[in-house]
Amino acid sequence: EPSRREGVLAGIALAVIALAGLFVWVGPEGPVGGSTGTDAIGAVLNADVVAAAGFLIAGILTLLKRGGARIDSAMIYALGFLPALVLGLCTGLLLAIPVTRAMAASTAFATTQLHLTMLGALAMAFLAGVHHAWPELVGRRISEPLGRAAAALTIFGLWAMLLPSFLIGLAGESFRVNAYPPELQIPHVLAAAGST
């Protein structure tokens, strides 16, 4: 169990992430994507988000290291949350740097980063919380073998969808296309299969 001090520090880190993220993650056309001054402010705020999230990740890993955690469906979703959060932060940091943002802002890379952050990190955290609290909410337990299988399938599908999408974005494809180039057909099929 985390101590009261750790809970307060985690709350402060979450507040920093929420406030800085409010100003940073509005996209390249928003208030942080215009002039050189706002680019500098955006880079500082994004660094604050990454530092606060790094603190949270270190706290979670320390809590896991202490032991006592059982591998149930909620823990599998929570463990799926960590790499999604780390990759979302790293790719978000790339999109905060003005030079790389200019190259990747209107590509599938930026769209995939948004989906990774929203679907990967938030959905995994939500599903972990639901699986953990479900017995207390409704008075019935979830089938653990079925829950573990669903968690593993969800995490596999998430990465099977997002990794090819990042490659498509790195290849320079715009996020608004109505026909896919033949050389990117295989990553598109893999991403569609992963989302399915």
C-alpha atoms as a PDB file:
ATOM      1  CA  GLU A   1       0.000   0.000   0.000  1.00  0.00           C
ATOM      2  CA  PRO A   2       1.314   3.474  -0.806  1.00  0.00           C
ATOM      3  CA  SER A   3       1.892   5.855   2.092  1.00  0.00           C
ATOM      4  CA  ARG A   4      -0.020   9.114   2.555  1.00  0.00           C
ATOM      5  CA  ARG A   5       3.062  11.104   1.488  1.00  0.00           C
ATOM      6  CA  GLU A   6       3.374   9.081  -1.730  1.00  0.00           C
ATOM      7  CA  GLY A   7      -0.322   9.677  -2.417  1.00  0.00           C
ATOM      8  CA  VAL A   8       0.061  13.440  -1.993  1.00  0.00           C
ATOM      9  CA  LEU A   9       3.129  13.497  -4.264  1.00  0.00           C
ATOM     10  CA  ALA A  10       1.288  11.417  -6.880  1.00  0.00           C
ATOM     11  CA  GLY A  11      -1.634  13.858  -6.687  1.00  0.00           C
ATOM     12  CA  ILE A  12       0.710  16.805  -7.239  1.00  0.00           C
ATOM     13  CA  ALA A  13       2.286  15.003 -10.222  1.00  0.00           C
ATOM     14  CA  LEU A  14      -1.160  14.350 -11.700  1.00  0.00           C
ATOM     15  CA  ALA A  15      -2.105  18.024 -11.236  1.00  0.00           C
ATOM     16  CA  VAL A  16       1.087  19.134 -13.027  1.00  0.00           C
ATOM     17  CA  ILE A  17       0.354  16.711 -15.874  1.00  0.00           C
ATOM     18  CA  ALA A  18      -3.236  17.929 -16.176  1.00  0.00           C
ATOM     19  CA  LEU A  19      -2.428  21.640 -16.115  1.00  0.00           C
ATOM     20  CA  ALA A  20       0.616  21.485 -18.380  1.00  0.00           C
ATOM     21  CA  GLY A  21      -1.141  19.050 -20.697  1.00  0.00           C
ATOM     22  CA  LEU A  22      -4.071  21.435 -20.999  1.00  0.00           C
ATOM     23  CA  PHE A  23      -1.765  23.973 -22.640  1.00  0.00           C
ATOM     24  CA  VAL A  24       0.571  21.607 -24.506  1.00  0.00           C
ATOM     25  CA  TRP A  25      -1.653  19.013 -26.126  1.00  0.00           C
ATOM     26  CA  VAL A  26      -3.855  21.363 -28.094  1.00  0.00           C
ATOM     27  CA  GLY A  27      -2.026  20.595 -31.341  1.00  0.00           C
ATOM     28  CA  PRO A  28       0.269  22.541 -33.615  1.00  0.00           C
ATOM     29  CA  GLU A  29      -2.415  25.098 -34.515  1.00  0.00           C
ATOM     30  CA  GLY A  30      -3.230  25.938 -30.895  1.00  0.00           C
ATOM     31  CA  PRO A  31      -1.729  28.542 -28.596  1.00  0.00           C
ATOM     32  CA  VAL A  32       1.500  26.583 -28.174  1.00  0.00           C
ATOM     33  CA  GLY A  33       2.105  26.100 -31.878  1.00  0.00           C
ATOM     34  CA  GLY A  34       2.518  29.636 -33.161  1.00  0.00           C
ATOM     35  CA  SER A  35       5.492  31.877 -32.471  1.00  0.00           C
ATOM     36  CA  THR A  36       8.970  31.175 -31.170  1.00  0.00           C
ATOM     37  CA  GLY A  37       7.993  32.341 -27.678  1.00  0.00           C
ATOM     38  CA  THR A  38       5.035  29.995 -27.478  1.00  0.00           C
ATOM     39  CA  ASP A  39       7.191  27.159 -28.853  1.00  0.00           C
ATOM     40  CA  ALA A  40       9.584  27.685 -25.931  1.00  0.00           C
ATOM     41  CA  ILE A  41       6.711  27.753 -23.437  1.00  0.00           C
ATOM     42  CA  GLY A  42       5.301  24.584 -24.985  1.00  0.00           C
ATOM     43  CA  ALA A  43       8.657  22.815 -24.734  1.00  0.00           C
ATOM     44  CA  VAL A  44       8.995  23.751 -21.051  1.00  0.00           C
ATOM     45  CA  LEU A  45       5.434  22.655 -20.266  1.00  0.00           C
ATOM     46  CA  ASN A  46       5.937  19.394 -22.124  1.00  0.00           C
ATOM     47  CA  ALA A  47       9.124  18.761 -20.163  1.00  0.00           C
ATOM     48  CA  ASP A  48       7.077  19.327 -16.985  1.00  0.00           C
ATOM     49  CA  VAL A  49       4.556  16.732 -18.137  1.00  0.00           C
ATOM     50  CA  VAL A  50       7.297  14.202 -18.877  1.00  0.00           C
ATOM     51  CA  ALA A  51       9.048  14.849 -15.546  1.00  0.00           C
ATOM     52  CA  ALA A  52       5.816  14.490 -13.557  1.00  0.00           C
ATOM     53  CA  ALA A  53       4.846  11.334 -15.437  1.00  0.00           C
ATOM     54  CA  GLY A  54       8.349   9.963 -14.914  1.00  0.00           C
ATOM     55  CA  PHE A  55       7.847  10.482 -11.186  1.00  0.00           C
ATOM     56  CA  LEU A  56       4.566   8.567 -11.364  1.00  0.00           C
ATOM     57  CA  ILE A  57       6.155   5.720 -13.324  1.00  0.00           C
ATOM     58  CA  ALA A  58       9.014   5.474 -10.822  1.00  0.00           C
ATOM     59  CA  GLY A  59       6.487   5.380  -7.993  1.00  0.00           C
ATOM     60  CA  ILE A  60       4.475   2.620  -9.653  1.00  0.00           C
ATOM     61  CA  LEU A  61       7.600   0.551 -10.294  1.00  0.00           C
ATOM     62  CA  THR A  62       8.728   1.040  -6.691  1.00  0.00           C
ATOM     63  CA  LEU A  63       5.329  -0.092  -5.473  1.00  0.00           C
ATOM     64  CA  LEU A  64       5.552  -3.198  -7.689  1.00  0.00           C
ATOM     65  CA  LYS A  65       9.076  -3.912  -6.443  1.00  0.00           C
ATOM     66  CA  ARG A  66       7.851  -3.971  -2.845  1.00  0.00           C
ATOM     67  CA  GLY A  67       5.930  -7.096  -3.740  1.00  0.00           C
ATOM     68  CA  GLY A  68       2.546  -8.357  -2.737  1.00  0.00           C
ATOM     69  CA  ALA A  69       1.040  -7.742  -6.181  1.00  0.00           C
ATOM     70  CA  ARG A  70      -0.863 -10.593  -7.728  1.00  0.00           C
ATOM     71  CA  ILE A  71      -1.098 -11.007 -11.463  1.00  0.00           C
ATOM     72  CA  ASP A  72      -4.809 -10.719 -12.105  1.00  0.00           C
ATOM     73  CA  SER A  73      -6.639  -9.055 -14.989  1.00  0.00           C
ATOM     74  CA  ALA A  74      -6.458  -5.612 -13.340  1.00  0.00           C
ATOM     75  CA  MET A  75      -2.671  -5.938 -12.933  1.00  0.00           C
ATOM     76  CA  ILE A  76      -2.246  -7.031 -16.562  1.00  0.00           C
ATOM     77  CA  TYR A  77      -4.104  -3.904 -17.705  1.00  0.00           C
ATOM     78  CA  ALA A  78      -1.991  -1.793 -15.326  1.00  0.00           C
ATOM     79  CA  LEU A  79       1.204  -3.330 -16.685  1.00  0.00           C
ATOM     80  CA  GLY A  80      -0.070  -2.646 -20.214  1.00  0.00           C
ATOM     81  CA  PHE A  81      -0.605   0.974 -19.180  1.00  0.00           C
ATOM     82  CA  LEU A  82       3.069   1.596 -18.338  1.00  0.00           C
ATOM     83  CA  PRO A  83       4.662   1.054 -21.786  1.00  0.00           C
ATOM     84  CA  ALA A  84       1.772   2.903 -23.432  1.00  0.00           C
ATOM     85  CA  LEU A  85       2.389   5.869 -21.145  1.00  0.00           C
ATOM     86  CA  VAL A  86       6.164   5.797 -21.693  1.00  0.00           C
ATOM     87  CA  LEU A  87       5.890   5.651 -25.496  1.00  0.00           C
ATOM     88  CA  GLY A  88       3.142   8.272 -25.469  1.00  0.00           C
ATOM     89  CA  LEU A  89       5.363  10.599 -23.455  1.00  0.00           C
ATOM     90  CA  CYS A  90       8.413  10.017 -25.654  1.00  0.00           C
ATOM     91  CA  THR A  91       6.510  10.589 -28.885  1.00  0.00           C
ATOM     92  CA  GLY A  92       4.744  13.594 -27.341  1.00  0.00           C
ATOM     93  CA  LEU A  93       8.125  15.036 -26.449  1.00  0.00           C
ATOM     94  CA  LEU A  94       9.211  14.604 -30.080  1.00  0.00           C
ATOM     95  CA  LEU A  95       6.095  16.456 -31.201  1.00  0.00           C
ATOM     96  CA  ALA A  96       6.829  19.282 -28.744  1.00  0.00           C
ATOM     97  CA  ILE A  97      10.200  20.054 -30.324  1.00  0.00           C
ATOM     98  CA  PRO A  98       9.517  22.677 -33.023  1.00  0.00           C
ATOM     99  CA  VAL A  99      11.716  21.040 -35.693  1.00  0.00           C
ATOM    100  CA  THR A 100      10.246  17.560 -35.379  1.00  0.00           C
ATOM    101  CA  ARG A 101       6.733  18.962 -34.934  1.00  0.00           C
ATOM    102  CA  ALA A 102       7.064  20.776 -38.260  1.00  0.00           C
ATOM    103  CA  MET A 103       7.916  17.473 -39.933  1.00  0.00           C
ATOM    104  CA  ALA A 104       5.374  15.242 -38.178  1.00  0.00           C
ATOM    105  CA  ALA A 105       2.465  17.476 -37.125  1.00  0.00           C
ATOM    106  CA  SER A 106       0.122  16.664 -39.995  1.00  0.00           C
ATOM    107  CA  THR A 107       1.172  13.050 -40.464  1.00  0.00           C
ATOM    108  CA  ALA A 108      -0.242   9.811 -39.141  1.00  0.00           C
ATOM    109  CA  PHE A 109       2.547   9.923 -36.518  1.00  0.00           C
ATOM    110  CA  ALA A 110       0.847  12.763 -34.619  1.00  0.00           C
ATOM    111  CA  THR A 111      -2.551  11.095 -34.898  1.00  0.00           C
ATOM    112  CA  THR A 112      -1.114   7.808 -33.653  1.00  0.00           C
ATOM    113  CA  GLN A 113       0.526   9.595 -30.715  1.00  0.00           C
ATOM    114  CA  LEU A 114      -2.844  11.064 -29.742  1.00  0.00           C
ATOM    115  CA  HIS A 115      -4.529   7.666 -30.018  1.00  0.00           C
ATOM    116  CA  LEU A 116      -1.739   6.024 -28.031  1.00  0.00           C
ATOM    117  CA  THR A 117      -2.130   8.564 -25.250  1.00  0.00           C
ATOM    118  CA  MET A 118      -5.937   8.489 -25.216  1.00  0.00           C
ATOM    119  CA  LEU A 119      -6.643   4.869 -26.094  1.00  0.00           C
ATOM    120  CA  GLY A 120      -3.472   3.205 -24.878  1.00  0.00           C
ATOM    121  CA  ALA A 121      -2.765   4.977 -21.630  1.00  0.00           C
ATOM    122  CA  LEU A 122      -6.190   6.191 -20.538  1.00  0.00           C
ATOM    123  CA  ALA A 123      -8.173   3.141 -21.614  1.00  0.00           C
ATOM    124  CA  MET A 124      -5.693   0.734 -20.011  1.00  0.00           C
ATOM    125  CA  ALA A 125      -5.805   2.684 -16.740  1.00  0.00           C
ATOM    126  CA  PHE A 126      -9.614   2.789 -16.886  1.00  0.00           C
ATOM    127  CA  LEU A 127      -9.902  -0.935 -17.594  1.00  0.00           C
ATOM    128  CA  ALA A 128      -7.465  -1.718 -14.766  1.00  0.00           C
ATOM    129  CA  GLY A 129      -9.590   0.336 -12.397  1.00  0.00           C
ATOM    130  CA  VAL A 130     -12.826  -1.271 -13.557  1.00  0.00           C
ATOM    131  CA  HIS A 131     -11.443  -4.794 -13.203  1.00  0.00           C
ATOM    132  CA  HIS A 132     -10.099  -3.964  -9.750  1.00  0.00           C
ATOM    133  CA  ALA A 133     -13.294  -2.317  -8.453  1.00  0.00           C
ATOM    134  CA  TRP A 134     -15.888  -4.515 -10.215  1.00  0.00           C
ATOM    135  CA  PRO A 135     -16.448  -6.974  -7.333  1.00  0.00           C
ATOM    136  CA  GLU A 136     -17.016  -4.092  -4.915  1.00  0.00           C
ATOM    137  CA  LEU A 137     -19.344  -2.276  -7.324  1.00  0.00           C
ATOM    138  CA  VAL A 138     -21.654  -5.140  -8.259  1.00  0.00           C
ATOM    139  CA  GLY A 139     -20.903  -7.837  -5.699  1.00  0.00           C
ATOM    140  CA  ARG A 140     -19.766 -10.426  -8.274  1.00  0.00           C
ATOM    141  CA  ARG A 141     -16.279 -11.389  -9.359  1.00  0.00           C
ATOM    142  CA  ILE A 142     -15.111 -11.411 -12.953  1.00  0.00           C
ATOM    143  CA  SER A 143     -13.861 -14.730 -14.311  1.00  0.00           C
ATOM    144  CA  GLU A 144     -10.088 -14.332 -13.887  1.00  0.00           C
ATOM    145  CA  PRO A 145      -8.997 -16.662 -16.722  1.00  0.00           C
ATOM    146  CA  LEU A 146     -11.380 -14.889 -19.096  1.00  0.00           C
ATOM    147  CA  GLY A 147     -10.318 -11.464 -17.747  1.00  0.00           C
ATOM    148  CA  ARG A 148      -6.611 -12.273 -18.185  1.00  0.00           C
ATOM    149  CA  ALA A 149      -7.214 -13.503 -21.736  1.00  0.00           C
ATOM    150  CA  ALA A 150      -9.192 -10.351 -22.593  1.00  0.00           C
ATOM    151  CA  ALA A 151      -6.479  -8.138 -21.096  1.00  0.00           C
ATOM    152  CA  ALA A 152      -3.715  -9.885 -23.029  1.00  0.00           C
ATOM    153  CA  LEU A 153      -5.729  -9.731 -26.275  1.00  0.00           C
ATOM    154  CA  THR A 154      -6.510  -6.043 -25.750  1.00  0.00           C
ATOM    155  CA  ILE A 155      -2.872  -5.148 -25.135  1.00  0.00           C
ATOM    156  CA  PHE A 156      -1.688  -7.219 -28.105  1.00  0.00           C
ATOM    157  CA  GLY A 157      -4.312  -5.605 -30.371  1.00  0.00           C
ATOM    158  CA  LEU A 158      -3.363  -2.130 -29.182  1.00  0.00           C
ATOM    159  CA  TRP A 159       0.305  -2.589 -30.065  1.00  0.00           C
ATOM    160  CA  ALA A 160      -0.489  -4.427 -33.300  1.00  0.00           C
ATOM    161  CA  MET A 161      -2.528  -1.382 -34.326  1.00  0.00           C
ATOM    162  CA  LEU A 162      -0.250   1.424 -33.114  1.00  0.00           C
ATOM    163  CA  LEU A 163       3.240   0.262 -34.094  1.00  0.00           C
ATOM    164  CA  PRO A 164       2.428  -0.025 -37.833  1.00  0.00           C
ATOM    165  CA  SER A 165       0.615   3.326 -37.591  1.00  0.00           C
ATOM    166  CA  PHE A 166       3.763   4.957 -36.205  1.00  0.00           C
ATOM    167  CA  LEU A 167       5.732   3.499 -39.136  1.00  0.00           C
ATOM    168  CA  ILE A 168       3.141   4.885 -41.555  1.00  0.00           C
ATOM    169  CA  GLY A 169       3.523   8.307 -39.960  1.00  0.00           C
ATOM    170  CA  LEU A 170       7.308   8.131 -40.067  1.00  0.00           C
ATOM    171  CA  ALA A 171       6.997   7.365 -43.781  1.00  0.00           C
ATOM    172  CA  GLY A 172       5.317  10.771 -44.091  1.00  0.00           C
ATOM    173  CA  GLU A 173       1.742   9.782 -44.857  1.00  0.00           C
ATOM    174  CA  SER A 174      -0.817  12.424 -44.007  1.00  0.00           C
ATOM    175  CA  PHE A 175      -3.516  11.502 -41.527  1.00  0.00           C
ATOM    176  CA  ARG A 176      -6.181  12.506 -44.058  1.00  0.00           C
ATOM    177  CA  VAL A 177      -5.842  10.209 -47.028  1.00  0.00           C
ATOM    178  CA  ASN A 178      -8.462   8.478 -49.101  1.00  0.00           C
ATOM    179  CA  ALA A 179      -6.109   6.079 -50.888  1.00  0.00           C
ATOM    180  CA  TYR A 180      -3.090   4.297 -49.443  1.00  0.00           C
ATOM    181  CA  PRO A 181       0.192   4.096 -51.368  1.00  0.00           C
ATOM    182  CA  PRO A 182       1.064   0.508 -52.368  1.00  0.00           C
ATOM    183  CA  GLU A 183       4.302   0.515 -50.333  1.00  0.00           C
ATOM    184  CA  LEU A 184       2.292   1.225 -47.148  1.00  0.00           C
ATOM    185  CA  GLN A 185      -0.408  -1.354 -47.780  1.00  0.00           C
ATOM    186  CA  ILE A 186       1.058  -3.996 -45.435  1.00  0.00           C
ATOM    187  CA  PRO A 187       1.352  -1.655 -42.401  1.00  0.00           C
ATOM    188  CA  HIS A 188      -2.229  -0.485 -43.018  1.00  0.00           C
ATOM    189  CA  VAL A 189      -3.490  -4.073 -43.105  1.00  0.00           C
ATOM    190  CA  LEU A 190      -1.553  -4.879 -39.899  1.00  0.00           C
ATOM    191  CA  ALA A 191      -2.971  -1.796 -38.162  1.00  0.00           C
ATOM    192  CA  ALA A 192      -6.505  -2.704 -39.240  1.00  0.00           C
ATOM    193  CA  ALA A 193      -6.026  -6.290 -38.025  1.00  0.00           C
ATOM    194  CA  GLY A 194      -4.711  -5.026 -34.670  1.00  0.00           C
ATOM    195  CA  SER A 195      -7.642  -2.661 -34.200  1.00  0.00           C
ATOM    196  CA  THR A 196     -10.031  -5.492 -34.997  1.00  0.00           C
END
